[in-house]
Amino acid sequence: MFTFDNMQVINRVVLQLLFFFLPVLAVTGQQLLFENLGKSIPFPSMECYNVIQDELGYIWISTESGLCRYNGASLTVYSQENGLPEKGCYVLTKDYAGKIWLVTSDNRILCVSGDSLVETSFSKRYVEMQRAKIDLTYAIDFWGDSVLLLHGNKRITRIRTATGNCDTLM
């Protein structure tokens, strides 16, 4: 016959076993789903800011020393020699239509078009606005098809892509 004291001992033993086995089960249940590409692919920099995949399957990586496009076998680096106006690319994202947008270390706004990088018509206006406040851009959000929200370390800027008008929200 079980008494109250016997039940407490059984509960304590069960709890101790659970505390012992649950962490072991959690550790053995994890699988490594990533592969270190840094040693097999000549990245221009080991400092990476964003990674996205486009509709064609390319992996795009923004780094301190250029924009990289990886196809699973080889790496194409966009740098100052082939289309990237500055050394670094801090922001990399896709819009609702799958178009890739990026912002350079000097706040230039570019889009990927085929195998080329194209500066947007409103980029120079945004560069001057950011330079006046010494503000770096770290993220882009989209409001529909015609409004960009660019997040800096000091404020959020709204750009209406059709007119190129820039204004500060915060």
N, C-alpha and C. Protein backbone atom coordinates (compact mmCIF):
# COMPACT_ATOMS: atom_id res chain seq x y z
N MET A 1 0.83 -1.16 0.00
CA MET A 1 0.00 0.00 0.00
C MET A 1 0.89 1.24 0.00
N PHE A 2 0.51 2.18 -0.87
CA PHE A 2 1.28 3.42 -0.98
C PHE A 2 0.81 4.43 0.05
N THR A 3 1.76 5.00 0.69
CA THR A 3 1.46 6.08 1.62
C THR A 3 1.84 7.40 0.97
N PHE A 4 1.52 8.44 1.67
CA PHE A 4 1.86 9.78 1.17
C PHE A 4 3.36 9.93 1.02
N ASP A 5 4.13 9.40 1.96
CA ASP A 5 5.59 9.49 1.91
C ASP A 5 6.15 8.71 0.73
N ASN A 6 5.58 7.53 0.45
CA ASN A 6 6.04 6.73 -0.70
C ASN A 6 5.78 7.47 -2.02
N MET A 7 4.65 8.13 -2.12
CA MET A 7 4.32 8.88 -3.34
C MET A 7 5.30 10.03 -3.54
N GLN A 8 5.69 10.70 -2.47
CA GLN A 8 6.65 11.78 -2.60
C GLN A 8 7.99 11.27 -3.10
N VAL A 9 8.43 10.11 -2.62
CA VAL A 9 9.70 9.52 -3.06
C VAL A 9 9.61 9.15 -4.54
N ILE A 10 8.51 8.56 -4.94
CA ILE A 10 8.33 8.17 -6.34
C ILE A 10 8.31 9.41 -7.23
N ASN A 11 7.59 10.43 -6.82
CA ASN A 11 7.56 11.68 -7.61
C ASN A 11 8.94 12.31 -7.74
N ARG A 12 9.69 12.30 -6.65
CA ARG A 12 11.03 12.87 -6.67
C ARG A 12 11.93 12.09 -7.63
N VAL A 13 11.86 10.78 -7.61
CA VAL A 13 12.68 9.94 -8.49
C VAL A 13 12.28 10.17 -9.95
N VAL A 14 11.00 10.25 -10.23
CA VAL A 14 10.53 10.48 -11.61
C VAL A 14 11.01 11.85 -12.10
N LEU A 15 10.89 12.85 -11.26
CA LEU A 15 11.35 14.19 -11.64
C LEU A 15 12.85 14.22 -11.89
N GLN A 16 13.63 13.55 -11.06
CA GLN A 16 15.07 13.50 -11.25
C GLN A 16 15.42 12.81 -12.58
N LEU A 17 14.72 11.73 -12.89
CA LEU A 17 14.97 11.04 -14.16
C LEU A 17 14.62 11.92 -15.35
N LEU A 18 13.50 12.65 -15.25
CA LEU A 18 13.12 13.55 -16.33
C LEU A 18 14.15 14.65 -16.53
N PHE A 19 14.61 15.24 -15.43
CA PHE A 19 15.63 16.28 -15.53
C PHE A 19 16.94 15.75 -16.09
N PHE A 20 17.21 14.48 -15.86
CA PHE A 20 18.44 13.89 -16.38
C PHE A 20 18.30 13.54 -17.87
N PHE A 21 17.20 12.96 -18.29
CA PHE A 21 17.06 12.46 -19.66
C PHE A 21 16.57 13.50 -20.67
N LEU A 22 15.76 14.46 -20.26
CA LEU A 22 15.25 15.44 -21.23
C LEU A 22 16.35 16.25 -21.90
N PRO A 23 17.34 16.77 -21.18
CA PRO A 23 18.42 17.48 -21.89
C PRO A 23 19.18 16.58 -22.86
N VAL A 24 19.38 15.33 -22.50
CA VAL A 24 20.08 14.40 -23.39
C VAL A 24 19.27 14.18 -24.66
N LEU A 25 17.97 14.02 -24.52
CA LEU A 25 17.12 13.83 -25.70
C LEU A 25 17.11 15.07 -26.58
N ALA A 26 17.10 16.24 -25.99
CA ALA A 26 17.09 17.48 -26.76
C ALA A 26 18.38 17.65 -27.54
N VAL A 27 19.51 17.30 -26.94
CA VAL A 27 20.80 17.43 -27.62
C VAL A 27 20.92 16.43 -28.76
N THR A 28 20.48 15.22 -28.56
CA THR A 28 20.61 14.21 -29.61
C THR A 28 19.60 14.42 -30.73
N GLY A 29 18.55 15.20 -30.47
CA GLY A 29 17.53 15.44 -31.48
C GLY A 29 17.89 16.55 -32.46
N GLN A 30 18.96 17.29 -32.22
CA GLN A 30 19.33 18.39 -33.10
C GLN A 30 20.15 17.87 -34.28
N GLN A 31 19.89 18.46 -35.44
CA GLN A 31 20.64 18.11 -36.63
C GLN A 31 21.24 19.36 -37.22
N LEU A 32 22.44 19.25 -37.75
CA LEU A 32 23.09 20.36 -38.40
C LEU A 32 22.55 20.48 -39.82
N LEU A 33 21.87 21.61 -40.10
CA LEU A 33 21.27 21.80 -41.42
C LEU A 33 22.06 22.77 -42.28
N PHE A 34 23.18 23.26 -41.78
CA PHE A 34 23.98 24.22 -42.51
C PHE A 34 25.35 23.64 -42.79
N GLU A 35 25.95 24.14 -43.83
CA GLU A 35 27.28 23.71 -44.21
C GLU A 35 28.18 24.93 -44.25
N ASN A 36 29.38 24.83 -43.74
CA ASN A 36 30.33 25.93 -43.75
C ASN A 36 30.89 26.07 -45.16
N LEU A 37 30.53 27.17 -45.82
CA LEU A 37 31.00 27.42 -47.19
C LEU A 37 32.24 28.29 -47.22
N GLY A 38 32.59 28.88 -46.09
CA GLY A 38 33.67 29.85 -46.04
C GLY A 38 35.02 29.35 -46.49
N LYS A 39 35.29 28.08 -46.32
CA LYS A 39 36.61 27.55 -46.71
C LYS A 39 36.64 27.07 -48.16
N SER A 40 35.49 26.73 -48.72
CA SER A 40 35.47 26.20 -50.08
C SER A 40 35.15 27.26 -51.13
N ILE A 41 34.64 28.43 -50.71
CA ILE A 41 34.27 29.49 -51.64
C ILE A 41 35.02 30.75 -51.25
N PRO A 42 35.60 31.45 -52.23
CA PRO A 42 36.39 32.65 -51.91
C PRO A 42 35.53 33.89 -51.64
N PHE A 43 34.90 33.97 -50.49
CA PHE A 43 34.11 35.14 -50.12
C PHE A 43 35.03 36.34 -49.99
N PRO A 44 34.56 37.54 -50.37
CA PRO A 44 35.41 38.73 -50.25
C PRO A 44 35.57 39.19 -48.81
N SER A 45 34.68 38.75 -47.94
CA SER A 45 34.73 39.15 -46.54
C SER A 45 34.03 38.07 -45.71
N MET A 46 34.50 37.85 -44.51
CA MET A 46 33.83 36.90 -43.62
C MET A 46 32.74 37.58 -42.80
N GLU A 47 32.59 38.90 -42.99
CA GLU A 47 31.52 39.64 -42.31
C GLU A 47 30.32 39.72 -43.24
N CYS A 48 29.23 39.12 -42.83
CA CYS A 48 28.02 39.02 -43.65
C CYS A 48 26.88 39.73 -42.95
N TYR A 49 26.07 40.47 -43.74
CA TYR A 49 24.95 41.22 -43.15
C TYR A 49 23.60 40.58 -43.44
N ASN A 50 23.34 40.18 -44.67
CA ASN A 50 22.05 39.59 -45.04
C ASN A 50 22.27 38.45 -46.01
N VAL A 51 21.37 37.48 -45.97
CA VAL A 51 21.37 36.36 -46.91
C VAL A 51 19.93 36.15 -47.36
N ILE A 52 19.70 36.13 -48.68
CA ILE A 52 18.37 35.84 -49.23
C ILE A 52 18.52 34.92 -50.42
N GLN A 53 17.41 34.30 -50.82
CA GLN A 53 17.40 33.45 -52.00
C GLN A 53 16.36 34.01 -52.97
N ASP A 54 16.74 34.10 -54.25
CA ASP A 54 15.79 34.61 -55.24
C ASP A 54 15.00 33.47 -55.87
N GLU A 55 14.12 33.82 -56.78
CA GLU A 55 13.23 32.84 -57.40
C GLU A 55 13.98 31.85 -58.31
N LEU A 56 15.17 32.22 -58.76
CA LEU A 56 15.96 31.33 -59.61
C LEU A 56 16.83 30.38 -58.79
N GLY A 57 16.83 30.56 -57.48
CA GLY A 57 17.60 29.68 -56.60
C GLY A 57 18.94 30.24 -56.19
N TYR A 58 19.33 31.40 -56.70
CA TYR A 58 20.60 32.00 -56.31
C TYR A 58 20.53 32.45 -54.85
N ILE A 59 21.63 32.30 -54.14
CA ILE A 59 21.77 32.80 -52.79
C ILE A 59 22.55 34.11 -52.89
N TRP A 60 21.97 35.19 -52.37
CA TRP A 60 22.59 36.52 -52.38
C TRP A 60 23.06 36.84 -50.97
N ILE A 61 24.29 37.32 -50.85
CA ILE A 61 24.90 37.58 -49.55
C ILE A 61 25.50 38.98 -49.57
N SER A 62 25.08 39.83 -48.65
CA SER A 62 25.67 41.17 -48.56
C SER A 62 26.81 41.14 -47.55
N THR A 63 27.94 41.71 -47.93
CA THR A 63 29.12 41.70 -47.07
C THR A 63 29.75 43.09 -47.00
N GLU A 64 30.73 43.22 -46.17
CA GLU A 64 31.48 44.46 -46.02
C GLU A 64 32.30 44.78 -47.28
N SER A 65 32.59 43.75 -48.07
CA SER A 65 33.46 43.93 -49.24
C SER A 65 32.77 43.57 -50.55
N GLY A 66 31.47 43.68 -50.62
CA GLY A 66 30.78 43.42 -51.87
C GLY A 66 29.51 42.62 -51.70
N LEU A 67 28.81 42.46 -52.81
CA LEU A 67 27.59 41.66 -52.88
C LEU A 67 27.92 40.36 -53.58
N CYS A 68 27.51 39.25 -53.01
CA CYS A 68 27.84 37.93 -53.56
C CYS A 68 26.59 37.23 -54.05
N ARG A 69 26.74 36.51 -55.19
CA ARG A 69 25.66 35.66 -55.70
C ARG A 69 26.24 34.26 -55.85
N TYR A 70 25.62 33.32 -55.13
CA TYR A 70 26.10 31.94 -55.11
C TYR A 70 25.07 31.04 -55.77
N ASN A 71 25.51 30.20 -56.70
CA ASN A 71 24.59 29.33 -57.42
C ASN A 71 24.68 27.86 -56.98
N GLY A 72 25.40 27.59 -55.93
CA GLY A 72 25.56 26.22 -55.46
C GLY A 72 26.89 25.62 -55.86
N ALA A 73 27.54 26.21 -56.86
CA ALA A 73 28.82 25.71 -57.32
C ALA A 73 29.88 26.81 -57.41
N SER A 74 29.45 28.02 -57.78
CA SER A 74 30.42 29.11 -57.93
C SER A 74 29.85 30.40 -57.35
N LEU A 75 30.75 31.34 -57.13
CA LEU A 75 30.41 32.60 -56.50
C LEU A 75 30.72 33.75 -57.45
N THR A 76 29.76 34.65 -57.63
CA THR A 76 29.99 35.89 -58.38
C THR A 76 29.98 37.01 -57.35
N VAL A 77 31.04 37.84 -57.37
CA VAL A 77 31.15 38.95 -56.43
C VAL A 77 30.97 40.25 -57.19
N TYR A 78 29.97 41.03 -56.78
CA TYR A 78 29.77 42.36 -57.32
C TYR A 78 30.54 43.32 -56.41
N SER A 79 31.49 44.03 -57.01
CA SER A 79 32.33 44.96 -56.27
C SER A 79 32.42 46.26 -57.05
N GLN A 80 33.33 47.13 -56.67
CA GLN A 80 33.51 48.40 -57.37
C GLN A 80 34.00 48.18 -58.80
N GLU A 81 34.57 47.05 -59.08
CA GLU A 81 35.05 46.76 -60.43
C GLU A 81 33.93 46.38 -61.40
N ASN A 82 32.78 45.90 -60.88
CA ASN A 82 31.73 45.42 -61.79
C ASN A 82 30.30 45.81 -61.36
N GLY A 83 30.14 47.06 -60.89
CA GLY A 83 28.78 47.53 -60.71
C GLY A 83 28.36 48.00 -59.34
N LEU A 84 29.10 47.65 -58.30
CA LEU A 84 28.75 48.12 -56.96
C LEU A 84 29.49 49.43 -56.72
N PRO A 85 28.78 50.55 -56.49
CA PRO A 85 29.44 51.85 -56.39
C PRO A 85 30.40 51.99 -55.20
N GLU A 86 30.11 51.31 -54.09
CA GLU A 86 30.97 51.37 -52.91
C GLU A 86 31.45 49.98 -52.55
N LYS A 87 32.31 49.94 -51.56
CA LYS A 87 32.88 48.66 -51.14
C LYS A 87 31.86 47.75 -50.48
N GLY A 88 31.04 48.30 -49.57
CA GLY A 88 30.16 47.47 -48.76
C GLY A 88 28.71 47.53 -49.19
N CYS A 89 27.98 46.50 -48.81
CA CYS A 89 26.55 46.40 -49.06
C CYS A 89 25.91 46.00 -47.73
N TYR A 90 25.20 46.96 -47.10
CA TYR A 90 24.68 46.73 -45.76
C TYR A 90 23.26 46.16 -45.73
N VAL A 91 22.46 46.44 -46.75
CA VAL A 91 21.07 46.02 -46.75
C VAL A 91 20.81 45.21 -48.02
N LEU A 92 20.08 44.12 -47.86
CA LEU A 92 19.72 43.27 -48.99
C LEU A 92 18.37 42.67 -48.68
N THR A 93 17.40 42.85 -49.59
CA THR A 93 16.06 42.33 -49.34
C THR A 93 15.33 42.14 -50.66
N LYS A 94 14.16 41.52 -50.59
CA LYS A 94 13.29 41.33 -51.76
C LYS A 94 11.97 42.03 -51.50
N ASP A 95 11.36 42.55 -52.58
CA ASP A 95 10.03 43.13 -52.44
C ASP A 95 8.99 42.06 -52.71
N TYR A 96 7.72 42.47 -52.74
CA TYR A 96 6.62 41.52 -52.92
C TYR A 96 6.67 40.79 -54.25
N ALA A 97 7.25 41.43 -55.27
CA ALA A 97 7.33 40.84 -56.61
C ALA A 97 8.59 39.99 -56.78
N GLY A 98 9.44 39.92 -55.76
CA GLY A 98 10.67 39.14 -55.85
C GLY A 98 11.87 39.92 -56.35
N LYS A 99 11.71 41.22 -56.57
CA LYS A 99 12.81 42.07 -57.02
C LYS A 99 13.77 42.29 -55.85
N ILE A 100 15.07 42.20 -56.13
CA ILE A 100 16.08 42.35 -55.08
C ILE A 100 16.54 43.81 -55.00
N TRP A 101 16.52 44.32 -53.78
CA TRP A 101 16.93 45.70 -53.48
C TRP A 101 18.14 45.63 -52.56
N LEU A 102 19.04 46.61 -52.69
CA LEU A 102 20.18 46.69 -51.79
C LEU A 102 20.54 48.14 -51.54
N VAL A 103 21.18 48.37 -50.40
CA VAL A 103 21.67 49.68 -50.04
C VAL A 103 23.15 49.52 -49.72
N THR A 104 23.97 50.39 -50.32
CA THR A 104 25.42 50.31 -50.14
C THR A 104 25.85 51.03 -48.86
N SER A 105 27.13 50.96 -48.60
CA SER A 105 27.69 51.60 -47.41
C SER A 105 27.61 53.12 -47.46
N ASP A 106 27.36 53.68 -48.65
CA ASP A 106 27.18 55.13 -48.79
C ASP A 106 25.70 55.47 -49.01
N ASN A 107 24.80 54.55 -48.68
CA ASN A 107 23.35 54.73 -48.75
C ASN A 107 22.79 54.81 -50.17
N ARG A 108 23.50 54.34 -51.16
CA ARG A 108 22.93 54.29 -52.51
C ARG A 108 21.94 53.13 -52.57
N ILE A 109 20.83 53.34 -53.24
CA ILE A 109 19.79 52.32 -53.37
C ILE A 109 19.88 51.74 -54.77
N LEU A 110 20.07 50.44 -54.86
CA LEU A 110 20.20 49.75 -56.13
C LEU A 110 19.23 48.59 -56.21
N CYS A 111 18.97 48.14 -57.43
CA CYS A 111 18.16 46.95 -57.68
C CYS A 111 18.96 46.01 -58.58
N VAL A 112 18.67 44.73 -58.45
CA VAL A 112 19.28 43.74 -59.33
C VAL A 112 18.40 43.61 -60.55
N SER A 113 19.02 43.73 -61.71
CA SER A 113 18.31 43.56 -62.98
C SER A 113 19.12 42.59 -63.83
N GLY A 114 18.65 41.34 -63.88
CA GLY A 114 19.42 40.31 -64.59
C GLY A 114 20.73 40.05 -63.86
N ASP A 115 21.84 40.28 -64.55
CA ASP A 115 23.16 40.12 -63.94
C ASP A 115 23.78 41.46 -63.56
N SER A 116 23.01 42.54 -63.60
CA SER A 116 23.55 43.87 -63.35
C SER A 116 22.91 44.51 -62.11
N LEU A 117 23.62 45.49 -61.58
CA LEU A 117 23.11 46.31 -60.49
C LEU A 117 22.77 47.67 -61.07
N VAL A 118 21.54 48.14 -60.82
CA VAL A 118 21.06 49.40 -61.38
C VAL A 118 20.69 50.33 -60.23
N GLU A 119 21.26 51.55 -60.26
CA GLU A 119 20.93 52.53 -59.24
C GLU A 119 19.56 53.11 -59.53
N THR A 120 18.74 53.27 -58.51
CA THR A 120 17.39 53.80 -58.68
C THR A 120 17.44 55.29 -58.96
N SER A 121 16.37 55.82 -59.53
CA SER A 121 16.30 57.24 -59.88
C SER A 121 16.30 58.15 -58.65
N PHE A 122 15.86 57.64 -57.50
CA PHE A 122 15.78 58.46 -56.29
C PHE A 122 16.96 58.24 -55.35
N SER A 123 17.93 57.45 -55.75
CA SER A 123 19.06 57.11 -54.90
C SER A 123 19.90 58.34 -54.51
N LYS A 124 20.23 59.18 -55.48
CA LYS A 124 21.08 60.34 -55.19
C LYS A 124 20.42 61.29 -54.20
N ARG A 125 19.12 61.48 -54.31
CA ARG A 125 18.39 62.33 -53.37
C ARG A 125 18.46 61.74 -51.96
N TYR A 126 18.32 60.44 -51.85
CA TYR A 126 18.39 59.78 -50.55
C TYR A 126 19.81 59.86 -49.97
N VAL A 127 20.83 59.69 -50.82
CA VAL A 127 22.22 59.77 -50.35
C VAL A 127 22.48 61.14 -49.73
N GLU A 128 22.06 62.19 -50.41
CA GLU A 128 22.28 63.55 -49.89
C GLU A 128 21.54 63.77 -48.58
N MET A 129 20.33 63.27 -48.51
CA MET A 129 19.53 63.41 -47.28
C MET A 129 20.22 62.69 -46.11
N GLN A 130 20.72 61.49 -46.33
CA GLN A 130 21.36 60.72 -45.28
C GLN A 130 22.72 61.32 -44.92
N ARG A 131 23.44 61.81 -45.91
CA ARG A 131 24.76 62.40 -45.64
C ARG A 131 24.63 63.62 -44.73
N ALA A 132 23.57 64.40 -44.92
CA ALA A 132 23.36 65.59 -44.09
C ALA A 132 23.17 65.22 -42.62
N LYS A 133 22.62 64.05 -42.34
CA LYS A 133 22.36 63.63 -40.96
C LYS A 133 23.34 62.56 -40.47
N ILE A 134 24.29 62.17 -41.31
CA ILE A 134 25.25 61.10 -41.00
C ILE A 134 24.51 59.87 -40.48
N ASP A 135 23.66 59.32 -41.31
CA ASP A 135 22.78 58.21 -40.95
C ASP A 135 23.01 57.04 -41.90
N LEU A 136 23.27 55.87 -41.38
CA LEU A 136 23.44 54.67 -42.20
C LEU A 136 22.14 53.87 -42.23
N THR A 137 21.85 53.27 -43.37
CA THR A 137 20.63 52.48 -43.55
C THR A 137 20.92 51.02 -43.21
N TYR A 138 19.99 50.41 -42.44
CA TYR A 138 20.17 49.03 -42.02
C TYR A 138 19.04 48.09 -42.42
N ALA A 139 17.92 48.63 -42.93
CA ALA A 139 16.81 47.76 -43.32
C ALA A 139 15.89 48.51 -44.28
N ILE A 140 15.17 47.73 -45.10
CA ILE A 140 14.16 48.27 -46.00
C ILE A 140 12.87 47.50 -45.78
N ASP A 141 11.76 48.23 -45.72
CA ASP A 141 10.42 47.63 -45.71
C ASP A 141 9.65 48.22 -46.87
N PHE A 142 8.60 47.55 -47.27
CA PHE A 142 7.81 47.99 -48.41
C PHE A 142 6.37 48.22 -47.97
N TRP A 143 5.80 49.33 -48.42
CA TRP A 143 4.37 49.60 -48.28
C TRP A 143 3.80 49.53 -49.68
N GLY A 144 3.25 48.42 -50.02
CA GLY A 144 2.71 48.24 -51.37
C GLY A 144 3.81 48.28 -52.41
N ASP A 145 3.46 48.72 -53.63
CA ASP A 145 4.41 48.73 -54.73
C ASP A 145 5.15 50.05 -54.88
N SER A 146 4.72 51.09 -54.18
CA SER A 146 5.28 52.40 -54.50
C SER A 146 5.88 53.17 -53.31
N VAL A 147 6.02 52.53 -52.16
CA VAL A 147 6.60 53.22 -51.02
C VAL A 147 7.65 52.33 -50.36
N LEU A 148 8.84 52.91 -50.15
CA LEU A 148 9.91 52.24 -49.42
C LEU A 148 10.06 52.90 -48.07
N LEU A 149 10.30 52.10 -47.04
CA LEU A 149 10.66 52.60 -45.72
C LEU A 149 12.09 52.15 -45.46
N LEU A 150 12.98 53.12 -45.30
CA LEU A 150 14.39 52.82 -45.06
C LEU A 150 14.72 53.15 -43.61
N HIS A 151 15.18 52.14 -42.88
CA HIS A 151 15.46 52.28 -41.46
C HIS A 151 16.94 52.57 -41.26
N GLY A 152 17.23 53.70 -40.67
CA GLY A 152 18.59 54.06 -40.34
C GLY A 152 18.84 53.94 -38.86
N ASN A 153 20.05 54.28 -38.44
CA ASN A 153 20.33 54.21 -37.01
C ASN A 153 19.78 55.43 -36.27
N LYS A 154 19.28 56.45 -37.00
CA LYS A 154 18.73 57.64 -36.35
C LYS A 154 17.27 57.90 -36.69
N ARG A 155 16.79 57.36 -37.80
CA ARG A 155 15.43 57.69 -38.22
C ARG A 155 14.92 56.70 -39.27
N ILE A 156 13.65 56.84 -39.61
CA ILE A 156 13.03 56.07 -40.69
C ILE A 156 12.65 57.05 -41.78
N THR A 157 13.03 56.74 -43.01
CA THR A 157 12.76 57.61 -44.14
C THR A 157 11.79 56.90 -45.08
N ARG A 158 10.81 57.65 -45.57
CA ARG A 158 9.85 57.13 -46.54
C ARG A 158 10.19 57.70 -47.91
N ILE A 159 10.23 56.81 -48.91
CA ILE A 159 10.47 57.23 -50.29
C ILE A 159 9.31 56.76 -51.14
N ARG A 160 8.71 57.68 -51.85
CA ARG A 160 7.67 57.34 -52.83
C ARG A 160 8.39 57.10 -54.15
N THR A 161 8.40 55.84 -54.59
CA THR A 161 9.24 55.46 -55.73
C THR A 161 8.80 56.11 -57.03
N ALA A 162 7.53 56.42 -57.20
CA ALA A 162 7.06 57.03 -58.44
C ALA A 162 7.58 58.46 -58.61
N THR A 163 7.64 59.22 -57.51
CA THR A 163 8.07 60.61 -57.59
C THR A 163 9.48 60.82 -57.06
N GLY A 164 9.96 59.90 -56.25
CA GLY A 164 11.29 60.05 -55.63
C GLY A 164 11.28 60.95 -54.41
N ASN A 165 10.10 61.36 -53.95
CA ASN A 165 10.01 62.22 -52.76
C ASN A 165 10.44 61.45 -51.52
N CYS A 166 11.30 62.08 -50.71
CA CYS A 166 11.80 61.50 -49.48
C CYS A 166 11.35 62.36 -48.32
N ASP A 167 10.86 61.73 -47.27
CA ASP A 167 10.55 62.46 -46.05
C ASP A 167 10.84 61.57 -44.85
N THR A 168 11.03 62.21 -43.72
CA THR A 168 11.38 61.50 -42.48
C THR A 168 10.11 61.23 -41.68
N LEU A 169 9.95 59.97 -41.25
CA LEU A 169 8.81 59.60 -40.42
C LEU A 169 9.15 59.72 -38.94
N MET A 170 10.35 59.38 -38.59
CA MET A 170 10.76 59.43 -37.17
C MET A 170 12.16 59.98 -37.09
